[in-house]
C-alpha atoms as a PDB file:
ATOM      1  CA  MET A   1       0.000   0.000   0.000  1.00  0.00           C
ATOM      2  CA  VAL A   2       1.312   3.436  -0.969  1.00  0.00           C
ATOM      3  CA  ILE A   3       0.498   6.356   1.309  1.00  0.00           C
ATOM      4  CA  VAL A   4       0.737   9.625  -0.608  1.00  0.00           C
ATOM      5  CA  ASP A   5      -0.519  12.127   1.931  1.00  0.00           C
ATOM      6  CA  GLU A   6       1.806  13.257   4.757  1.00  0.00           C
ATOM      7  CA  GLY A   7      -1.049  13.251   7.291  1.00  0.00           C
ATOM      8  CA  ARG A   8      -2.027   9.725   6.367  1.00  0.00           C
ATOM      9  CA  ARG A   9       1.605   8.641   6.540  1.00  0.00           C
ATOM     10  CA  ASN A  10       1.853  10.028  10.088  1.00  0.00           C
ATOM     11  CA  LEU A  11      -1.432   8.343  11.035  1.00  0.00           C
ATOM     12  CA  ALA A  12      -0.155   5.004   9.724  1.00  0.00           C
ATOM     13  CA  LYS A  13       2.994   5.392  11.855  1.00  0.00           C
ATOM     14  CA  CYS A  14       0.883   6.120  14.928  1.00  0.00           C
ATOM     15  CA  LEU A  15      -1.369   3.108  14.352  1.00  0.00           C
ATOM     16  CA  ARG A  16       1.415   0.553  13.991  1.00  0.00           C
ATOM     17  CA  GLY A  17       1.315  -1.751  16.974  1.00  0.00           C
ATOM     18  CA  THR A  18      -1.885  -0.272  18.396  1.00  0.00           C
ATOM     19  CA  ASP A  19      -5.511  -1.245  18.462  1.00  0.00           C
ATOM     20  CA  ALA A  20      -6.863   0.845  15.569  1.00  0.00           C
ATOM     21  CA  LYS A  21     -10.464   0.523  16.763  1.00  0.00           C
ATOM     22  CA  GLN A  22      -9.569   2.006  20.140  1.00  0.00           C
ATOM     23  CA  VAL A  23      -7.702   4.879  18.494  1.00  0.00           C
ATOM     24  CA  ILE A  24     -10.738   5.671  16.319  1.00  0.00           C
ATOM     25  CA  VAL A  25     -13.079   5.570  19.332  1.00  0.00           C
ATOM     26  CA  GLU A  26     -10.795   7.932  21.237  1.00  0.00           C
ATOM     27  CA  GLU A  27     -10.568  10.304  18.265  1.00  0.00           C
ATOM     28  CA  LEU A  28     -14.351  10.379  17.925  1.00  0.00           C
ATOM     29  CA  ALA A  29     -14.721  11.134  21.628  1.00  0.00           C
ATOM     30  CA  ASP A  30     -12.398  14.128  21.214  1.00  0.00           C
ATOM     31  CA  MET A  31     -14.127  15.401  18.062  1.00  0.00           C
ATOM     32  CA  ARG A  32     -15.683  18.814  18.544  1.00  0.00           C
ATOM     33  CA  THR A  33     -19.375  18.465  17.758  1.00  0.00           C
ATOM     34  CA  THR A  34     -22.561  20.443  18.194  1.00  0.00           C
ATOM     35  CA  VAL A  35     -26.284  20.276  17.569  1.00  0.00           C
ATOM     36  CA  LEU A  36     -28.152  22.954  15.630  1.00  0.00           C
ATOM     37  CA  ASP A  37     -31.574  23.655  17.131  1.00  0.00           C
ATOM     38  CA  LEU A  38     -34.346  24.842  14.824  1.00  0.00           C
ATOM     39  CA  THR A  39     -35.471  28.252  16.103  1.00  0.00           C
ATOM     40  CA  GLU A  40     -37.720  29.549  13.335  1.00  0.00           C
ATOM     41  CA  VAL A  41     -39.158  28.800   9.921  1.00  0.00           C
ATOM     42  CA  THR A  42     -40.098  31.624   7.562  1.00  0.00           C
ATOM     43  CA  ARG A  43     -40.849  31.953   3.859  1.00  0.00           C
ATOM     44  CA  THR A  44     -39.369  34.232   1.222  1.00  0.00           C
ATOM     45  CA  VAL A  45     -41.608  36.394  -0.953  1.00  0.00           C
ATOM     46  CA  HIS A  46     -41.450  33.543  -3.494  1.00  0.00           C
ATOM     47  CA  GLY A  47     -42.639  30.975  -0.935  1.00  0.00           C
ATOM     48  CA  GLU A  48     -39.287  29.239  -0.344  1.00  0.00           C
ATOM     49  CA  GLU A  49     -38.807  27.961   3.192  1.00  0.00           C
ATOM     50  CA  VAL A  50     -35.988  29.498   5.230  1.00  0.00           C
ATOM     51  CA  ARG A  51     -34.988  27.691   8.424  1.00  0.00           C
ATOM     52  CA  GLY A  52     -33.251  29.471  11.297  1.00  0.00           C
ATOM     53  CA  TRP A  53     -30.863  27.455  13.481  1.00  0.00           C
ATOM     54  CA  GLU A  54     -28.910  28.116  16.665  1.00  0.00           C
ATOM     55  CA  CYS A  55     -25.693  26.331  17.597  1.00  0.00           C
ATOM     56  CA  ARG A  56     -25.823  24.779  21.086  1.00  0.00           C
ATOM     57  CA  GLU A  57     -22.104  25.350  21.608  1.00  0.00           C
ATOM     58  CA  CYS A  58     -21.447  28.912  20.418  1.00  0.00           C
ATOM     59  CA  GLY A  59     -25.021  30.250  20.534  1.00  0.00           C
ATOM     60  CA  GLN A  60     -24.746  31.874  17.104  1.00  0.00           C
ATOM     61  CA  SER A  61     -27.657  31.809  14.658  1.00  0.00           C
ATOM     62  CA  CYS A  62     -27.581  30.813  11.012  1.00  0.00           C
ATOM     63  CA  GLU A  63     -30.139  30.321   8.255  1.00  0.00           C
ATOM     64  CA  GLU A  64     -30.424  27.868   5.398  1.00  0.00           C
ATOM     65  CA  MET A  65     -32.805  27.264   2.539  1.00  0.00           C
ATOM     66  CA  TYR A  66     -31.399  24.241   0.740  1.00  0.00           C
ATOM     67  CA  GLY A  67     -29.810  21.212   2.340  1.00  0.00           C
ATOM     68  CA  GLU A  68     -28.321  21.262   5.814  1.00  0.00           C
ATOM     69  CA  TYR A  69     -25.163  22.286   7.626  1.00  0.00           C
ATOM     70  CA  GLU A  70     -22.346  19.795   8.113  1.00  0.00           C
ATOM     71  CA  TYR A  71     -20.394  22.248  10.274  1.00  0.00           C
ATOM     72  CA  CYS A  72     -21.428  25.304  12.272  1.00  0.00           C
ATOM     73  CA  PRO A  73     -20.484  28.305  10.119  1.00  0.00           C
ATOM     74  CA  HIS A  74     -19.398  30.216  13.241  1.00  0.00           C
ATOM     75  CA  CYS A  75     -17.466  27.843  15.530  1.00  0.00           C
ATOM     76  CA  GLY A  76     -16.637  25.115  12.990  1.00  0.00           C
ATOM     77  CA  ARG A  77     -17.888  22.210  15.091  1.00  0.00           C
ATOM     78  CA  LYS A  78     -19.272  19.193  13.245  1.00  0.00           C
ATOM     79  CA  VAL A  79     -23.078  19.088  13.375  1.00  0.00           C
ATOM     80  CA  VAL A  80     -24.527  15.832  14.720  1.00  0.00           C
ATOM     81  CA  GLU A  81     -28.088  14.660  15.278  1.00  0.00           C
ATOM     82  CA  PRO A  82     -29.479  15.271  18.789  1.00  0.00           C
END
């Protein structure tokens, strides 16, 4: 196997001789996450739905019309389901 990315190469070095599953579990536990709470739903003049969200971690508000956030646009935490 050829590892082309420096970060992946370093990860492979770290995982040698360790329990990879445990490392992944520990990394996930340390991952900075948040939940976005729906605070309001409005409509544009053309009838498109606009949803207002608030980040539980940083308290900042954001809006979206299409799709959903993967990361909070203010604090950068990964958005997870409540």
